[in-house]
ModelCIF file with pLDDT and N, C-alpha, C, O atoms, coordinates in Angstrom:
data_MODEL
#
_entry.id   MODEL 
#
_entity.id                         1 
_entity.type                       polymer 
_entity.pdbx_number_of_molecules   1 
#
_entity_poly.entity_id                      1 
_entity_poly.type                           'polypeptide(L)' 
_entity_poly.nstd_linkage                   no 
_entity_poly.nstd_monomer                   no 
_entity_poly.pdbx_seq_one_letter_code       MPLPTGTSPDDLVDVATARAWIGLPPLADGATDPVMQLAITAVSQRI 
_entity_poly.pdbx_seq_one_letter_code_can   MPLPTGTSPDDLVDVATARAWIGLPPLADGATDPVMQLAITAVSQRI 
_entity_poly.pdbx_strand_id                 A 
#
loop_
_entity_poly_seq.entity_id 
_entity_poly_seq.num 
_entity_poly_seq.mon_id 
_entity_poly_seq.hetero 
1 1  MET n 
1 2  PRO n 
1 3  LEU n 
1 4  PRO n 
1 5  THR n 
1 6  GLY n 
1 7  THR n 
1 8  SER n 
1 9  PRO n 
1 10 ASP n 
1 11 ASP n 
1 12 LEU n 
1 13 VAL n 
1 14 ASP n 
1 15 VAL n 
1 16 ALA n 
1 17 THR n 
1 18 ALA n 
1 19 ARG n 
1 20 ALA n 
1 21 TRP n 
1 22 ILE n 
1 23 GLY n 
1 24 LEU n 
1 25 PRO n 
1 26 PRO n 
1 27 LEU n 
1 28 ALA n 
1 29 ASP n 
1 30 GLY n 
1 31 ALA n 
1 32 THR n 
1 33 ASP n 
1 34 PRO n 
1 35 VAL n 
1 36 MET n 
1 37 GLN n 
1 38 LEU n 
1 39 ALA n 
1 40 ILE n 
1 41 THR n 
1 42 ALA n 
1 43 VAL n 
1 44 SER n 
1 45 GLN n 
1 46 ARG n 
1 47 ILE n 
#
_struct_asym.id          A 
_struct_asym.entity_id   1 
#
loop_
_ma_qa_metric.id 
_ma_qa_metric.mode 
_ma_qa_metric.name 
_ma_qa_metric.software_group_id 
_ma_qa_metric.type 
1 global pLDDT . pLDDT 
2 local  pLDDT . pLDDT 
#
_ma_qa_metric_global.metric_id      1 
_ma_qa_metric_global.metric_value   91.17 
_ma_qa_metric_global.model_id       1 
_ma_qa_metric_global.ordinal_id     1 
#
loop_
_ma_qa_metric_local.label_asym_id 
_ma_qa_metric_local.label_comp_id 
_ma_qa_metric_local.label_seq_id 
_ma_qa_metric_local.metric_id 
_ma_qa_metric_local.metric_value 
_ma_qa_metric_local.model_id 
_ma_qa_metric_local.ordinal_id 
A MET 1  2 52.00 1 1  
A PRO 2  2 57.00 1 2  
A LEU 3  2 58.00 1 3  
A PRO 4  2 61.00 1 4  
A THR 5  2 63.00 1 5  
A GLY 6  2 84.00 1 6  
A THR 7  2 92.00 1 7  
A SER 8  2 93.00 1 8  
A PRO 9  2 92.00 1 9  
A ASP 10 2 94.00 1 10 
A ASP 11 2 97.00 1 11 
A LEU 12 2 97.00 1 12 
A VAL 13 2 97.00 1 13 
A ASP 14 2 97.00 1 14 
A VAL 15 2 97.00 1 15 
A ALA 16 2 97.00 1 16 
A THR 17 2 97.00 1 17 
A ALA 18 2 97.00 1 18 
A ARG 19 2 97.00 1 19 
A ALA 20 2 97.00 1 20 
A TRP 21 2 97.00 1 21 
A ILE 22 2 95.00 1 22 
A GLY 23 2 94.00 1 23 
A LEU 24 2 95.00 1 24 
A PRO 25 2 96.00 1 25 
A PRO 26 2 96.00 1 26 
A LEU 27 2 95.00 1 27 
A ALA 28 2 95.00 1 28 
A ASP 29 2 94.00 1 29 
A GLY 30 2 92.00 1 30 
A ALA 31 2 94.00 1 31 
A THR 32 2 94.00 1 32 
A ASP 33 2 95.00 1 33 
A PRO 34 2 95.00 1 34 
A VAL 35 2 94.00 1 35 
A MET 36 2 95.00 1 36 
A GLN 37 2 96.00 1 37 
A LEU 38 2 95.00 1 38 
A ALA 39 2 95.00 1 39 
A ILE 40 2 97.00 1 40 
A THR 41 2 96.00 1 41 
A ALA 42 2 95.00 1 42 
A VAL 43 2 96.00 1 43 
A SER 44 2 97.00 1 44 
A GLN 45 2 96.00 1 45 
A ARG 46 2 94.00 1 46 
A ILE 47 2 96.00 1 47 
#
loop_
_atom_site.group_PDB 
_atom_site.id 
_atom_site.type_symbol 
_atom_site.label_atom_id 
_atom_site.label_alt_id 
_atom_site.label_comp_id 
_atom_site.label_asym_id 
_atom_site.label_entity_id 
_atom_site.label_seq_id 
_atom_site.pdbx_PDB_ins_code 
_atom_site.Cartn_x 
_atom_site.Cartn_y 
_atom_site.Cartn_z 
_atom_site.occupancy 
_atom_site.B_iso_or_equiv 
_atom_site.pdbx_formal_charge 
_atom_site.auth_seq_id 
_atom_site.auth_comp_id 
_atom_site.auth_asym_id 
_atom_site.auth_atom_id 
_atom_site.pdbx_PDB_model_num 
ATOM 1   N N  . MET A 1 1  ? -72.644 76.051 -320.000 1.00 52.00 ? 1  MET A N  1 
ATOM 2   C CA . MET A 1 1  ? -72.436 74.652 -319.627 1.00 52.00 ? 1  MET A CA 1 
ATOM 3   C C  . MET A 1 1  ? -72.818 74.472 -318.164 1.00 52.00 ? 1  MET A C  1 
ATOM 4   O O  . MET A 1 1  ? -72.335 75.217 -317.311 1.00 52.00 ? 1  MET A O  1 
ATOM 5   N N  . PRO A 1 2  ? -73.685 73.489 -317.851 1.00 57.00 ? 2  PRO A N  1 
ATOM 6   C CA . PRO A 1 2  ? -74.095 73.294 -316.463 1.00 57.00 ? 2  PRO A CA 1 
ATOM 7   C C  . PRO A 1 2  ? -72.945 72.784 -315.606 1.00 57.00 ? 2  PRO A C  1 
ATOM 8   O O  . PRO A 1 2  ? -72.087 72.042 -316.084 1.00 57.00 ? 2  PRO A O  1 
ATOM 9   N N  . LEU A 1 3  ? -72.931 73.188 -314.324 1.00 58.00 ? 3  LEU A N  1 
ATOM 10  C CA . LEU A 1 3  ? -71.903 72.734 -313.401 1.00 58.00 ? 3  LEU A CA 1 
ATOM 11  C C  . LEU A 1 3  ? -72.192 71.307 -312.966 1.00 58.00 ? 3  LEU A C  1 
ATOM 12  O O  . LEU A 1 3  ? -73.355 70.909 -312.903 1.00 58.00 ? 3  LEU A O  1 
ATOM 13  N N  . PRO A 1 4  ? -71.146 70.520 -312.663 1.00 61.00 ? 4  PRO A N  1 
ATOM 14  C CA . PRO A 1 4  ? -71.381 69.154 -312.192 1.00 61.00 ? 4  PRO A CA 1 
ATOM 15  C C  . PRO A 1 4  ? -72.048 69.163 -310.825 1.00 61.00 ? 4  PRO A C  1 
ATOM 16  O O  . PRO A 1 4  ? -71.748 70.021 -309.994 1.00 61.00 ? 4  PRO A O  1 
ATOM 17  N N  . THR A 1 5  ? -72.939 68.228 -310.586 1.00 63.00 ? 5  THR A N  1 
ATOM 18  C CA . THR A 1 5  ? -73.655 68.179 -309.309 1.00 63.00 ? 5  THR A CA 1 
ATOM 19  C C  . THR A 1 5  ? -73.453 66.858 -308.579 1.00 63.00 ? 5  THR A C  1 
ATOM 20  O O  . THR A 1 5  ? -73.878 66.723 -307.431 1.00 63.00 ? 5  THR A O  1 
ATOM 21  N N  . GLY A 1 6  ? -72.812 65.875 -309.220 1.00 84.00 ? 6  GLY A N  1 
ATOM 22  C CA . GLY A 1 6  ? -72.607 64.584 -308.585 1.00 84.00 ? 6  GLY A CA 1 
ATOM 23  C C  . GLY A 1 6  ? -71.338 64.555 -307.756 1.00 84.00 ? 6  GLY A C  1 
ATOM 24  O O  . GLY A 1 6  ? -70.546 65.497 -307.778 1.00 84.00 ? 6  GLY A O  1 
ATOM 25  N N  . THR A 1 7  ? -71.152 63.460 -307.022 1.00 92.00 ? 7  THR A N  1 
ATOM 26  C CA . THR A 1 7  ? -69.954 63.317 -306.204 1.00 92.00 ? 7  THR A CA 1 
ATOM 27  C C  . THR A 1 7  ? -68.726 63.131 -307.088 1.00 92.00 ? 7  THR A C  1 
ATOM 28  O O  . THR A 1 7  ? -68.821 62.684 -308.231 1.00 92.00 ? 7  THR A O  1 
ATOM 29  N N  . SER A 1 8  ? -67.576 63.483 -306.530 1.00 93.00 ? 8  SER A N  1 
ATOM 30  C CA . SER A 1 8  ? -66.301 63.291 -307.213 1.00 93.00 ? 8  SER A CA 1 
ATOM 31  C C  . SER A 1 8  ? -65.495 62.261 -306.431 1.00 93.00 ? 8  SER A C  1 
ATOM 32  O O  . SER A 1 8  ? -65.584 62.216 -305.204 1.00 93.00 ? 8  SER A O  1 
ATOM 33  N N  . PRO A 1 9  ? -64.714 61.436 -307.116 1.00 92.00 ? 9  PRO A N  1 
ATOM 34  C CA . PRO A 1 9  ? -63.887 60.461 -306.390 1.00 92.00 ? 9  PRO A CA 1 
ATOM 35  C C  . PRO A 1 9  ? -62.846 61.117 -305.496 1.00 92.00 ? 9  PRO A C  1 
ATOM 36  O O  . PRO A 1 9  ? -62.268 60.453 -304.635 1.00 92.00 ? 9  PRO A O  1 
ATOM 37  N N  . ASP A 1 10 ? -62.598 62.411 -305.685 1.00 94.00 ? 10 ASP A N  1 
ATOM 38  C CA . ASP A 1 10 ? -61.598 63.111 -304.876 1.00 94.00 ? 10 ASP A CA 1 
ATOM 39  C C  . ASP A 1 10 ? -62.213 63.886 -303.707 1.00 94.00 ? 10 ASP A C  1 
ATOM 40  O O  . ASP A 1 10 ? -61.497 64.596 -303.002 1.00 94.00 ? 10 ASP A O  1 
ATOM 41  N N  . ASP A 1 11 ? -63.532 63.760 -303.488 1.00 97.00 ? 11 ASP A N  1 
ATOM 42  C CA . ASP A 1 11 ? -64.175 64.464 -302.373 1.00 97.00 ? 11 ASP A CA 1 
ATOM 43  C C  . ASP A 1 11 ? -63.594 64.000 -301.037 1.00 97.00 ? 11 ASP A C  1 
ATOM 44  O O  . ASP A 1 11 ? -63.398 62.803 -300.823 1.00 97.00 ? 11 ASP A O  1 
ATOM 45  N N  . LEU A 1 12 ? -63.323 64.939 -300.150 1.00 97.00 ? 12 LEU A N  1 
ATOM 46  C CA . LEU A 1 12 ? -62.730 64.626 -298.850 1.00 97.00 ? 12 LEU A CA 1 
ATOM 47  C C  . LEU A 1 12 ? -63.756 64.405 -297.755 1.00 97.00 ? 12 LEU A C  1 
ATOM 48  O O  . LEU A 1 12 ? -63.444 63.781 -296.741 1.00 97.00 ? 12 LEU A O  1 
ATOM 49  N N  . VAL A 1 13 ? -64.979 64.903 -297.935 1.00 97.00 ? 13 VAL A N  1 
ATOM 50  C CA . VAL A 1 13 ? -66.069 64.695 -296.982 1.00 97.00 ? 13 VAL A CA 1 
ATOM 51  C C  . VAL A 1 13 ? -67.347 64.462 -297.777 1.00 97.00 ? 13 VAL A C  1 
ATOM 52  O O  . VAL A 1 13 ? -67.372 64.654 -298.993 1.00 97.00 ? 13 VAL A O  1 
ATOM 53  N N  . ASP A 1 14 ? -68.410 64.048 -297.087 1.00 97.00 ? 14 ASP A N  1 
ATOM 54  C CA . ASP A 1 14 ? -69.688 63.860 -297.772 1.00 97.00 ? 14 ASP A CA 1 
ATOM 55  C C  . ASP A 1 14 ? -70.677 64.953 -297.374 1.00 97.00 ? 14 ASP A C  1 
ATOM 56  O O  . ASP A 1 14 ? -70.423 65.732 -296.455 1.00 97.00 ? 14 ASP A O  1 
ATOM 57  N N  . VAL A 1 15 ? -71.792 64.999 -298.069 1.00 97.00 ? 15 VAL A N  1 
ATOM 58  C CA . VAL A 1 15 ? -72.778 66.057 -297.857 1.00 97.00 ? 15 VAL A CA 1 
ATOM 59  C C  . VAL A 1 15 ? -73.344 66.033 -296.443 1.00 97.00 ? 15 VAL A C  1 
ATOM 60  O O  . VAL A 1 15 ? -73.485 67.081 -295.813 1.00 97.00 ? 15 VAL A O  1 
ATOM 61  N N  . ALA A 1 16 ? -73.668 64.849 -295.944 1.00 97.00 ? 16 ALA A N  1 
ATOM 62  C CA . ALA A 1 16 ? -74.264 64.758 -294.609 1.00 97.00 ? 16 ALA A CA 1 
ATOM 63  C C  . ALA A 1 16 ? -73.334 65.322 -293.544 1.00 97.00 ? 16 ALA A C  1 
ATOM 64  O O  . ALA A 1 16 ? -73.779 66.038 -292.647 1.00 97.00 ? 16 ALA A O  1 
ATOM 65  N N  . THR A 1 17 ? -72.046 65.005 -293.636 1.00 97.00 ? 17 THR A N  1 
ATOM 66  C CA . THR A 1 17 ? -71.075 65.501 -292.664 1.00 97.00 ? 17 THR A CA 1 
ATOM 67  C C  . THR A 1 17 ? -70.920 67.007 -292.778 1.00 97.00 ? 17 THR A C  1 
ATOM 68  O O  . THR A 1 17 ? -70.854 67.705 -291.767 1.00 97.00 ? 17 THR A O  1 
ATOM 69  N N  . ALA A 1 18 ? -70.862 67.513 -294.004 1.00 97.00 ? 18 ALA A N  1 
ATOM 70  C CA . ALA A 1 18 ? -70.704 68.954 -294.214 1.00 97.00 ? 18 ALA A CA 1 
ATOM 71  C C  . ALA A 1 18 ? -71.901 69.722 -293.671 1.00 97.00 ? 18 ALA A C  1 
ATOM 72  O O  . ALA A 1 18 ? -71.724 70.746 -293.011 1.00 97.00 ? 18 ALA A O  1 
ATOM 73  N N  . ARG A 1 19 ? -73.095 69.254 -293.931 1.00 97.00 ? 19 ARG A N  1 
ATOM 74  C CA . ARG A 1 19 ? -74.289 69.932 -293.439 1.00 97.00 ? 19 ARG A CA 1 
ATOM 75  C C  . ARG A 1 19 ? -74.323 69.929 -291.909 1.00 97.00 ? 19 ARG A C  1 
ATOM 76  O O  . ARG A 1 19 ? -74.683 70.933 -291.295 1.00 97.00 ? 19 ARG A O  1 
ATOM 77  N N  . ALA A 1 20 ? -73.952 68.815 -291.299 1.00 97.00 ? 20 ALA A N  1 
ATOM 78  C CA . ALA A 1 20 ? -73.946 68.735 -289.843 1.00 97.00 ? 20 ALA A CA 1 
ATOM 79  C C  . ALA A 1 20 ? -72.933 69.709 -289.249 1.00 97.00 ? 20 ALA A C  1 
ATOM 80  O O  . ALA A 1 20 ? -73.210 70.345 -288.232 1.00 97.00 ? 20 ALA A O  1 
ATOM 81  N N  . TRP A 1 21 ? -71.756 69.833 -289.878 1.00 97.00 ? 21 TRP A N  1 
ATOM 82  C CA . TRP A 1 21 ? -70.710 70.717 -289.355 1.00 97.00 ? 21 TRP A CA 1 
ATOM 83  C C  . TRP A 1 21 ? -71.128 72.188 -289.464 1.00 97.00 ? 21 TRP A C  1 
ATOM 84  O O  . TRP A 1 21 ? -70.852 72.985 -288.568 1.00 97.00 ? 21 TRP A O  1 
ATOM 85  N N  . ILE A 1 22 ? -71.779 72.529 -290.542 1.00 95.00 ? 22 ILE A N  1 
ATOM 86  C CA . ILE A 1 22 ? -72.216 73.907 -290.739 1.00 95.00 ? 22 ILE A CA 1 
ATOM 87  C C  . ILE A 1 22 ? -73.442 74.229 -289.888 1.00 95.00 ? 22 ILE A C  1 
ATOM 88  O O  . ILE A 1 22 ? -73.718 75.397 -289.616 1.00 95.00 ? 22 ILE A O  1 
ATOM 89  N N  . GLY A 1 23 ? -74.170 73.209 -289.471 1.00 94.00 ? 23 GLY A N  1 
ATOM 90  C CA . GLY A 1 23 ? -75.343 73.428 -288.635 1.00 94.00 ? 23 GLY A CA 1 
ATOM 91  C C  . GLY A 1 23 ? -76.652 73.383 -289.383 1.00 94.00 ? 23 GLY A C  1 
ATOM 92  O O  . GLY A 1 23 ? -77.663 73.889 -288.897 1.00 94.00 ? 23 GLY A O  1 
ATOM 93  N N  . LEU A 1 24 ? -76.649 72.781 -290.566 1.00 95.00 ? 24 LEU A N  1 
ATOM 94  C CA . LEU A 1 24 ? -77.873 72.641 -291.354 1.00 95.00 ? 24 LEU A CA 1 
ATOM 95  C C  . LEU A 1 24 ? -78.590 71.348 -290.963 1.00 95.00 ? 24 LEU A C  1 
ATOM 96  O O  . LEU A 1 24 ? -77.937 70.387 -290.555 1.00 95.00 ? 24 LEU A O  1 
ATOM 97  N N  . PRO A 1 25 ? -79.902 71.305 -291.078 1.00 96.00 ? 25 PRO A N  1 
ATOM 98  C CA . PRO A 1 25 ? -80.645 70.098 -290.712 1.00 96.00 ? 25 PRO A CA 1 
ATOM 99  C C  . PRO A 1 25 ? -80.351 68.955 -291.673 1.00 96.00 ? 25 PRO A C  1 
ATOM 100 O O  . PRO A 1 25 ? -79.987 69.195 -292.824 1.00 96.00 ? 25 PRO A O  1 
ATOM 101 N N  . PRO A 1 26 ? -80.505 67.713 -291.215 1.00 96.00 ? 26 PRO A N  1 
ATOM 102 C CA . PRO A 1 26 ? -80.292 66.565 -292.104 1.00 96.00 ? 26 PRO A CA 1 
ATOM 103 C C  . PRO A 1 26 ? -81.272 66.603 -293.265 1.00 96.00 ? 26 PRO A C  1 
ATOM 104 O O  . PRO A 1 26 ? -82.386 67.110 -293.138 1.00 96.00 ? 26 PRO A O  1 
ATOM 105 N N  . LEU A 1 27 ? -80.845 66.061 -294.395 1.00 95.00 ? 27 LEU A N  1 
ATOM 106 C CA . LEU A 1 27 ? -81.729 65.974 -295.551 1.00 95.00 ? 27 LEU A CA 1 
ATOM 107 C C  . LEU A 1 27 ? -82.774 64.878 -295.340 1.00 95.00 ? 27 LEU A C  1 
ATOM 108 O O  . LEU A 1 27 ? -82.521 63.872 -294.678 1.00 95.00 ? 27 LEU A O  1 
ATOM 109 N N  . ALA A 1 28 ? -83.944 65.100 -295.918 1.00 95.00 ? 28 ALA A N  1 
ATOM 110 C CA . ALA A 1 28 ? -84.972 64.070 -295.883 1.00 95.00 ? 28 ALA A CA 1 
ATOM 111 C C  . ALA A 1 28 ? -84.516 62.878 -296.720 1.00 95.00 ? 28 ALA A C  1 
ATOM 112 O O  . ALA A 1 28 ? -83.684 63.027 -297.616 1.00 95.00 ? 28 ALA A O  1 
ATOM 113 N N  . ASP A 1 29 ? -85.052 61.713 -296.432 1.00 94.00 ? 29 ASP A N  1 
ATOM 114 C CA . ASP A 1 29 ? -84.688 60.517 -297.178 1.00 94.00 ? 29 ASP A CA 1 
ATOM 115 C C  . ASP A 1 29 ? -84.877 60.738 -298.683 1.00 94.00 ? 29 ASP A C  1 
ATOM 116 O O  . ASP A 1 29 ? -85.943 61.153 -299.139 1.00 94.00 ? 29 ASP A O  1 
ATOM 117 N N  . GLY A 1 30 ? -83.836 60.455 -299.422 1.00 92.00 ? 30 GLY A N  1 
ATOM 118 C CA . GLY A 1 30 ? -83.913 60.581 -300.874 1.00 92.00 ? 30 GLY A CA 1 
ATOM 119 C C  . GLY A 1 30 ? -83.619 61.973 -301.398 1.00 92.00 ? 30 GLY A C  1 
ATOM 120 O O  . GLY A 1 30 ? -83.481 62.154 -302.608 1.00 92.00 ? 30 GLY A O  1 
ATOM 121 N N  . ALA A 1 31 ? -83.518 62.975 -300.509 1.00 94.00 ? 31 ALA A N  1 
ATOM 122 C CA . ALA A 1 31 ? -83.249 64.348 -300.941 1.00 94.00 ? 31 ALA A CA 1 
ATOM 123 C C  . ALA A 1 31 ? -81.755 64.538 -301.212 1.00 94.00 ? 31 ALA A C  1 
ATOM 124 O O  . ALA A 1 31 ? -80.922 63.813 -300.667 1.00 94.00 ? 31 ALA A O  1 
ATOM 125 N N  . THR A 1 32 ? -81.429 65.502 -302.044 1.00 94.00 ? 32 THR A N  1 
ATOM 126 C CA . THR A 1 32 ? -80.040 65.811 -302.360 1.00 94.00 ? 32 THR A CA 1 
ATOM 127 C C  . THR A 1 32 ? -79.776 67.293 -302.123 1.00 94.00 ? 32 THR A C  1 
ATOM 128 O O  . THR A 1 32 ? -80.704 68.092 -301.995 1.00 94.00 ? 32 THR A O  1 
ATOM 129 N N  . ASP A 1 33 ? -78.523 67.636 -302.067 1.00 95.00 ? 33 ASP A N  1 
ATOM 130 C CA . ASP A 1 33 ? -78.110 69.028 -301.905 1.00 95.00 ? 33 ASP A CA 1 
ATOM 131 C C  . ASP A 1 33 ? -77.014 69.301 -302.924 1.00 95.00 ? 33 ASP A C  1 
ATOM 132 O O  . ASP A 1 33 ? -75.833 69.270 -302.579 1.00 95.00 ? 33 ASP A O  1 
ATOM 133 N N  . PRO A 1 34 ? -77.383 69.568 -304.176 1.00 95.00 ? 34 PRO A N  1 
ATOM 134 C CA . PRO A 1 34 ? -76.384 69.725 -305.240 1.00 95.00 ? 34 PRO A CA 1 
ATOM 135 C C  . PRO A 1 34 ? -75.439 70.907 -305.020 1.00 95.00 ? 34 PRO A C  1 
ATOM 136 O O  . PRO A 1 34 ? -74.282 70.864 -305.439 1.00 95.00 ? 34 PRO A O  1 
ATOM 137 N N  . VAL A 1 35 ? -75.930 71.960 -304.364 1.00 94.00 ? 35 VAL A N  1 
ATOM 138 C CA . VAL A 1 35 ? -75.060 73.113 -304.129 1.00 94.00 ? 35 VAL A CA 1 
ATOM 139 C C  . VAL A 1 35 ? -73.966 72.753 -303.127 1.00 94.00 ? 35 VAL A C  1 
ATOM 140 O O  . VAL A 1 35 ? -72.799 73.084 -303.337 1.00 94.00 ? 35 VAL A O  1 
ATOM 141 N N  . MET A 1 36 ? -74.339 72.076 -302.038 1.00 95.00 ? 36 MET A N  1 
ATOM 142 C CA . MET A 1 36 ? -73.342 71.643 -301.063 1.00 95.00 ? 36 MET A CA 1 
ATOM 143 C C  . MET A 1 36 ? -72.371 70.653 -301.690 1.00 95.00 ? 36 MET A C  1 
ATOM 144 O O  . MET A 1 36 ? -71.171 70.698 -301.423 1.00 95.00 ? 36 MET A O  1 
ATOM 145 N N  . GLN A 1 37 ? -72.889 69.766 -302.518 1.00 96.00 ? 37 GLN A N  1 
ATOM 146 C CA . GLN A 1 37 ? -72.025 68.795 -303.183 1.00 96.00 ? 37 GLN A CA 1 
ATOM 147 C C  . GLN A 1 37 ? -71.010 69.490 -304.079 1.00 96.00 ? 37 GLN A C  1 
ATOM 148 O O  . GLN A 1 37 ? -69.837 69.117 -304.105 1.00 96.00 ? 37 GLN A O  1 
ATOM 149 N N  . LEU A 1 38 ? -71.459 70.491 -304.807 1.00 95.00 ? 38 LEU A N  1 
ATOM 150 C CA . LEU A 1 38 ? -70.553 71.255 -305.658 1.00 95.00 ? 38 LEU A CA 1 
ATOM 151 C C  . LEU A 1 38 ? -69.483 71.945 -304.826 1.00 95.00 ? 38 LEU A C  1 
ATOM 152 O O  . LEU A 1 38 ? -68.314 71.975 -305.212 1.00 95.00 ? 38 LEU A O  1 
ATOM 153 N N  . ALA A 1 39 ? -69.881 72.503 -303.677 1.00 95.00 ? 39 ALA A N  1 
ATOM 154 C CA . ALA A 1 39 ? -68.924 73.182 -302.799 1.00 95.00 ? 39 ALA A CA 1 
ATOM 155 C C  . ALA A 1 39 ? -67.893 72.196 -302.254 1.00 95.00 ? 39 ALA A C  1 
ATOM 156 O O  . ALA A 1 39 ? -66.706 72.515 -302.185 1.00 95.00 ? 39 ALA A O  1 
ATOM 157 N N  . ILE A 1 40 ? -68.340 70.999 -301.866 1.00 97.00 ? 40 ILE A N  1 
ATOM 158 C CA . ILE A 1 40 ? -67.417 69.981 -301.349 1.00 97.00 ? 40 ILE A CA 1 
ATOM 159 C C  . ILE A 1 40 ? -66.379 69.619 -302.404 1.00 97.00 ? 40 ILE A C  1 
ATOM 160 O O  . ILE A 1 40 ? -65.184 69.559 -302.114 1.00 97.00 ? 40 ILE A O  1 
ATOM 161 N N  . THR A 1 41 ? -66.839 69.378 -303.629 1.00 96.00 ? 41 THR A N  1 
ATOM 162 C CA . THR A 1 41 ? -65.920 69.022 -304.699 1.00 96.00 ? 41 THR A CA 1 
ATOM 163 C C  . THR A 1 41 ? -64.945 70.160 -304.988 1.00 96.00 ? 41 THR A C  1 
ATOM 164 O O  . THR A 1 41 ? -63.758 69.922 -305.208 1.00 96.00 ? 41 THR A O  1 
ATOM 165 N N  . ALA A 1 42 ? -65.446 71.397 -304.987 1.00 95.00 ? 42 ALA A N  1 
ATOM 166 C CA . ALA A 1 42 ? -64.585 72.553 -305.266 1.00 95.00 ? 42 ALA A CA 1 
ATOM 167 C C  . ALA A 1 42 ? -63.519 72.720 -304.188 1.00 95.00 ? 42 ALA A C  1 
ATOM 168 O O  . ALA A 1 42 ? -62.348 72.929 -304.503 1.00 95.00 ? 42 ALA A O  1 
ATOM 169 N N  . VAL A 1 43 ? -63.914 72.631 -302.919 1.00 96.00 ? 43 VAL A N  1 
ATOM 170 C CA . VAL A 1 43 ? -62.954 72.807 -301.828 1.00 96.00 ? 43 VAL A CA 1 
ATOM 171 C C  . VAL A 1 43 ? -61.968 71.640 -301.794 1.00 96.00 ? 43 VAL A C  1 
ATOM 172 O O  . VAL A 1 43 ? -60.780 71.847 -301.544 1.00 96.00 ? 43 VAL A O  1 
ATOM 173 N N  . SER A 1 44 ? -62.438 70.424 -302.041 1.00 97.00 ? 44 SER A N  1 
ATOM 174 C CA . SER A 1 44 ? -61.540 69.264 -302.091 1.00 97.00 ? 44 SER A CA 1 
ATOM 175 C C  . SER A 1 44 ? -60.494 69.447 -303.186 1.00 97.00 ? 44 SER A C  1 
ATOM 176 O O  . SER A 1 44 ? -59.317 69.151 -302.977 1.00 97.00 ? 44 SER A O  1 
ATOM 177 N N  . GLN A 1 45 ? -60.913 69.933 -304.348 1.00 96.00 ? 45 GLN A N  1 
ATOM 178 C CA . GLN A 1 45 ? -59.972 70.178 -305.443 1.00 96.00 ? 45 GLN A CA 1 
ATOM 179 C C  . GLN A 1 45 ? -59.018 71.316 -305.091 1.00 96.00 ? 45 GLN A C  1 
ATOM 180 O O  . GLN A 1 45 ? -57.837 71.277 -305.438 1.00 96.00 ? 45 GLN A O  1 
ATOM 181 N N  . ARG A 1 46 ? -59.537 72.321 -304.404 1.00 94.00 ? 46 ARG A N  1 
ATOM 182 C CA . ARG A 1 46 ? -58.695 73.448 -304.004 1.00 94.00 ? 46 ARG A CA 1 
ATOM 183 C C  . ARG A 1 46 ? -57.600 72.988 -303.049 1.00 94.00 ? 46 ARG A C  1 
ATOM 184 O O  . ARG A 1 46 ? -56.455 73.426 -303.153 1.00 94.00 ? 46 ARG A O  1 
ATOM 185 N N  . ILE A 1 47 ? -57.953 72.103 -302.117 1.00 96.00 ? 47 ILE A N  1 
ATOM 186 C CA . ILE A 1 47 ? -56.972 71.575 -301.176 1.00 96.00 ? 47 ILE A CA 1 
ATOM 187 C C  . ILE A 1 47 ? -55.916 70.756 -301.904 1.00 96.00 ? 47 ILE A C  1 
ATOM 188 O O  . ILE A 1 47 ? -55.001 70.228 -301.272 1.00 96.00 ? 47 ILE A O  1 
#
């Protein structure tokens, strides 16, 4: 079963903020980061 890649209503931060905090470059217009999004949702649920 594929893992969810979209945002969750319980996410505590967004992808752009997370990437900036970790030190990753901003995404190009229209680009997505499904792995970071999955991590955000997982950590938000863990909290």
